[in-house]
Amino acid sequence: MTRRHYPLLRLSPDAAGKLQHDHTRTLVRLAQIETELAELERQVRAQFGAEACWLLRNNARNAALAEQLKQEIAA
């Protein structure tokens, strides 16, 4: 087993408290977004069917990947 040594991040107490606060706030927001997404998918399935939900999800994923690729090519 290989031991990896990671650099130690040293923060002042104020900076550490802010980082922890920002992290907690971000996790709460992420949970809220996941809940909203689950409800949106449930409603799309109920109104348009599971196949439409699957198609929308795949199209959105492909569009996001295409945009990332464009940005990588431009960089």
N, C-alpha and C. Protein backbone atom coordinates (compact mmCIF):
# COMPACT_ATOMS: atom_id res chain seq x y z
N MET A 1 0.84 -1.17 0.00
CA MET A 1 0.00 0.00 0.00
C MET A 1 0.89 1.24 0.00
N THR A 2 0.60 2.15 -0.89
CA THR A 2 1.38 3.36 -1.01
C THR A 2 0.76 4.47 -0.18
N ARG A 3 1.59 5.11 0.61
CA ARG A 3 1.10 6.24 1.40
C ARG A 3 1.30 7.51 0.59
N ARG A 4 0.28 8.29 0.52
CA ARG A 4 0.38 9.56 -0.18
C ARG A 4 0.39 10.68 0.84
N HIS A 5 1.27 11.60 0.63
CA HIS A 5 1.36 12.73 1.53
C HIS A 5 0.73 13.93 0.86
N TYR A 6 -0.31 14.43 1.45
CA TYR A 6 -1.00 15.59 0.92
C TYR A 6 -0.53 16.81 1.68
N PRO A 7 -0.38 17.93 0.98
CA PRO A 7 0.04 19.13 1.69
C PRO A 7 -1.02 19.56 2.70
N LEU A 8 -0.56 20.06 3.82
CA LEU A 8 -1.46 20.48 4.87
C LEU A 8 -1.91 21.90 4.59
N LEU A 9 -3.19 22.13 4.64
CA LEU A 9 -3.74 23.46 4.42
C LEU A 9 -3.87 24.14 5.77
N ARG A 10 -3.18 25.23 5.94
CA ARG A 10 -3.21 25.96 7.21
C ARG A 10 -4.05 27.21 7.04
N LEU A 11 -5.09 27.31 7.85
CA LEU A 11 -5.99 28.45 7.79
C LEU A 11 -6.08 29.11 9.15
N SER A 12 -6.35 30.39 9.10
CA SER A 12 -6.62 31.09 10.36
C SER A 12 -7.99 30.62 10.85
N PRO A 13 -8.28 30.78 12.14
CA PRO A 13 -9.59 30.36 12.63
C PRO A 13 -10.75 31.04 11.90
N ASP A 14 -10.59 32.32 11.55
CA ASP A 14 -11.65 33.01 10.82
C ASP A 14 -11.84 32.42 9.43
N ALA A 15 -10.73 32.18 8.75
CA ALA A 15 -10.81 31.61 7.40
C ALA A 15 -11.38 30.20 7.44
N ALA A 16 -10.99 29.42 8.44
CA ALA A 16 -11.53 28.06 8.58
C ALA A 16 -13.03 28.09 8.86
N GLY A 17 -13.46 29.02 9.69
CA GLY A 17 -14.88 29.14 9.98
C GLY A 17 -15.66 29.55 8.75
N LYS A 18 -15.11 30.48 7.96
CA LYS A 18 -15.79 30.91 6.73
C LYS A 18 -15.86 29.75 5.74
N LEU A 19 -14.75 29.02 5.60
CA LEU A 19 -14.72 27.87 4.70
C LEU A 19 -15.76 26.83 5.11
N GLN A 20 -15.85 26.54 6.40
CA GLN A 20 -16.82 25.57 6.88
C GLN A 20 -18.24 26.08 6.64
N HIS A 21 -18.48 27.36 6.87
CA HIS A 21 -19.80 27.95 6.64
C HIS A 21 -20.18 27.85 5.15
N ASP A 22 -19.24 28.22 4.28
CA ASP A 22 -19.50 28.15 2.84
C ASP A 22 -19.75 26.72 2.39
N HIS A 23 -18.99 25.78 2.95
CA HIS A 23 -19.16 24.37 2.60
C HIS A 23 -20.54 23.87 3.02
N THR A 24 -20.93 24.21 4.24
CA THR A 24 -22.25 23.79 4.75
C THR A 24 -23.36 24.40 3.91
N ARG A 25 -23.24 25.69 3.61
CA ARG A 25 -24.25 26.37 2.79
C ARG A 25 -24.35 25.75 1.40
N THR A 26 -23.20 25.39 0.83
CA THR A 26 -23.18 24.77 -0.50
C THR A 26 -23.83 23.39 -0.46
N LEU A 27 -23.56 22.62 0.58
CA LEU A 27 -24.18 21.29 0.70
C LEU A 27 -25.69 21.39 0.84
N VAL A 28 -26.17 22.38 1.59
CA VAL A 28 -27.61 22.59 1.75
C VAL A 28 -28.22 22.95 0.40
N ARG A 29 -27.56 23.84 -0.34
CA ARG A 29 -28.07 24.25 -1.66
C ARG A 29 -28.08 23.07 -2.62
N LEU A 30 -27.03 22.25 -2.58
CA LEU A 30 -26.97 21.07 -3.44
C LEU A 30 -28.11 20.11 -3.13
N ALA A 31 -28.38 19.88 -1.87
CA ALA A 31 -29.50 19.01 -1.48
C ALA A 31 -30.82 19.58 -1.98
N GLN A 32 -30.98 20.91 -1.90
CA GLN A 32 -32.20 21.55 -2.38
C GLN A 32 -32.34 21.36 -3.90
N ILE A 33 -31.26 21.53 -4.63
CA ILE A 33 -31.30 21.37 -6.08
C ILE A 33 -31.62 19.92 -6.44
N GLU A 34 -31.04 18.97 -5.72
CA GLU A 34 -31.33 17.56 -5.99
C GLU A 34 -32.79 17.24 -5.74
N THR A 35 -33.36 17.81 -4.69
CA THR A 35 -34.78 17.60 -4.39
C THR A 35 -35.65 18.19 -5.48
N GLU A 36 -35.31 19.40 -5.93
CA GLU A 36 -36.07 20.04 -7.00
C GLU A 36 -35.97 19.25 -8.30
N LEU A 37 -34.78 18.74 -8.60
CA LEU A 37 -34.60 17.94 -9.81
C LEU A 37 -35.43 16.66 -9.76
N ALA A 38 -35.44 16.00 -8.61
CA ALA A 38 -36.23 14.77 -8.47
C ALA A 38 -37.71 15.07 -8.68
N GLU A 39 -38.20 16.17 -8.13
CA GLU A 39 -39.60 16.53 -8.32
C GLU A 39 -39.89 16.90 -9.77
N LEU A 40 -38.98 17.61 -10.41
CA LEU A 40 -39.16 17.96 -11.81
C LEU A 40 -39.22 16.71 -12.67
N GLU A 41 -38.32 15.77 -12.44
CA GLU A 41 -38.33 14.52 -13.20
C GLU A 41 -39.62 13.75 -12.95
N ARG A 42 -40.10 13.74 -11.72
CA ARG A 42 -41.36 13.06 -11.41
C ARG A 42 -42.51 13.68 -12.19
N GLN A 43 -42.55 15.00 -12.23
CA GLN A 43 -43.62 15.67 -12.95
C GLN A 43 -43.53 15.47 -14.46
N VAL A 44 -42.31 15.49 -15.00
CA VAL A 44 -42.14 15.25 -16.44
C VAL A 44 -42.59 13.83 -16.79
N ARG A 45 -42.20 12.87 -15.93
CA ARG A 45 -42.64 11.49 -16.18
C ARG A 45 -44.16 11.38 -16.13
N ALA A 46 -44.78 12.06 -15.17
CA ALA A 46 -46.23 11.97 -15.02
C ALA A 46 -46.95 12.61 -16.20
N GLN A 47 -46.43 13.72 -16.71
CA GLN A 47 -47.13 14.44 -17.77
C GLN A 47 -46.77 13.95 -19.17
N PHE A 48 -45.51 13.57 -19.38
CA PHE A 48 -45.07 13.25 -20.73
C PHE A 48 -44.60 11.81 -20.91
N GLY A 49 -44.39 11.09 -19.83
CA GLY A 49 -43.94 9.71 -19.91
C GLY A 49 -42.46 9.57 -19.62
N ALA A 50 -42.07 8.36 -19.29
CA ALA A 50 -40.69 8.08 -18.90
C ALA A 50 -39.73 8.26 -20.08
N GLU A 51 -40.18 7.93 -21.27
CA GLU A 51 -39.30 8.05 -22.44
C GLU A 51 -38.94 9.51 -22.71
N ALA A 52 -39.89 10.41 -22.54
CA ALA A 52 -39.62 11.85 -22.74
C ALA A 52 -38.63 12.34 -21.69
N CYS A 53 -38.77 11.86 -20.47
CA CYS A 53 -37.84 12.25 -19.40
C CYS A 53 -36.44 11.76 -19.73
N TRP A 54 -36.33 10.55 -20.20
CA TRP A 54 -35.04 9.97 -20.57
C TRP A 54 -34.43 10.76 -21.72
N LEU A 55 -35.23 11.10 -22.73
CA LEU A 55 -34.75 11.84 -23.88
C LEU A 55 -34.28 13.23 -23.49
N LEU A 56 -35.04 13.92 -22.65
CA LEU A 56 -34.64 15.25 -22.18
C LEU A 56 -33.33 15.19 -21.40
N ARG A 57 -33.20 14.21 -20.53
CA ARG A 57 -31.99 14.07 -19.73
C ARG A 57 -30.77 13.83 -20.63
N ASN A 58 -30.91 12.94 -21.60
CA ASN A 58 -29.79 12.65 -22.49
C ASN A 58 -29.44 13.86 -23.36
N ASN A 59 -30.44 14.57 -23.86
CA ASN A 59 -30.17 15.76 -24.67
C ASN A 59 -29.47 16.83 -23.84
N ALA A 60 -29.89 17.02 -22.60
CA ALA A 60 -29.25 18.01 -21.74
C ALA A 60 -27.82 17.61 -21.44
N ARG A 61 -27.58 16.34 -21.17
CA ARG A 61 -26.23 15.85 -20.89
C ARG A 61 -25.33 16.05 -22.11
N ASN A 62 -25.83 15.71 -23.30
CA ASN A 62 -25.05 15.86 -24.52
C ASN A 62 -24.74 17.33 -24.81
N ALA A 63 -25.71 18.21 -24.57
CA ALA A 63 -25.49 19.64 -24.78
C ALA A 63 -24.42 20.17 -23.84
N ALA A 64 -24.45 19.74 -22.58
CA ALA A 64 -23.45 20.18 -21.62
C ALA A 64 -22.07 19.66 -22.00
N LEU A 65 -21.98 18.42 -22.43
CA LEU A 65 -20.69 17.86 -22.84
C LEU A 65 -20.17 18.57 -24.08
N ALA A 66 -21.04 18.89 -25.02
CA ALA A 66 -20.64 19.62 -26.22
C ALA A 66 -20.11 21.00 -25.87
N GLU A 67 -20.76 21.67 -24.93
CA GLU A 67 -20.30 23.00 -24.49
C GLU A 67 -18.93 22.91 -23.82
N GLN A 68 -18.72 21.88 -22.99
CA GLN A 68 -17.41 21.69 -22.35
C GLN A 68 -16.34 21.44 -23.40
N LEU A 69 -16.66 20.66 -24.41
CA LEU A 69 -15.71 20.37 -25.48
C LEU A 69 -15.36 21.64 -26.24
N LYS A 70 -16.35 22.47 -26.53
CA LYS A 70 -16.09 23.74 -27.21
C LYS A 70 -15.16 24.62 -26.39
N GLN A 71 -15.37 24.66 -25.09
CA GLN A 71 -14.52 25.47 -24.21
C GLN A 71 -13.11 24.93 -24.16
N GLU A 72 -12.96 23.60 -24.15
CA GLU A 72 -11.62 23.02 -24.14
C GLU A 72 -10.89 23.29 -25.44
N ILE A 73 -11.61 23.23 -26.56
CA ILE A 73 -10.99 23.50 -27.86
C ILE A 73 -10.58 24.96 -27.95
N ALA A 74 -11.42 25.86 -27.43
CA ALA A 74 -11.12 27.28 -27.49
C ALA A 74 -9.94 27.66 -26.58
N ALA A 75 -9.71 26.88 -25.55
CA ALA A 75 -8.63 27.23 -24.59
C ALA A 75 -7.25 26.90 -25.12
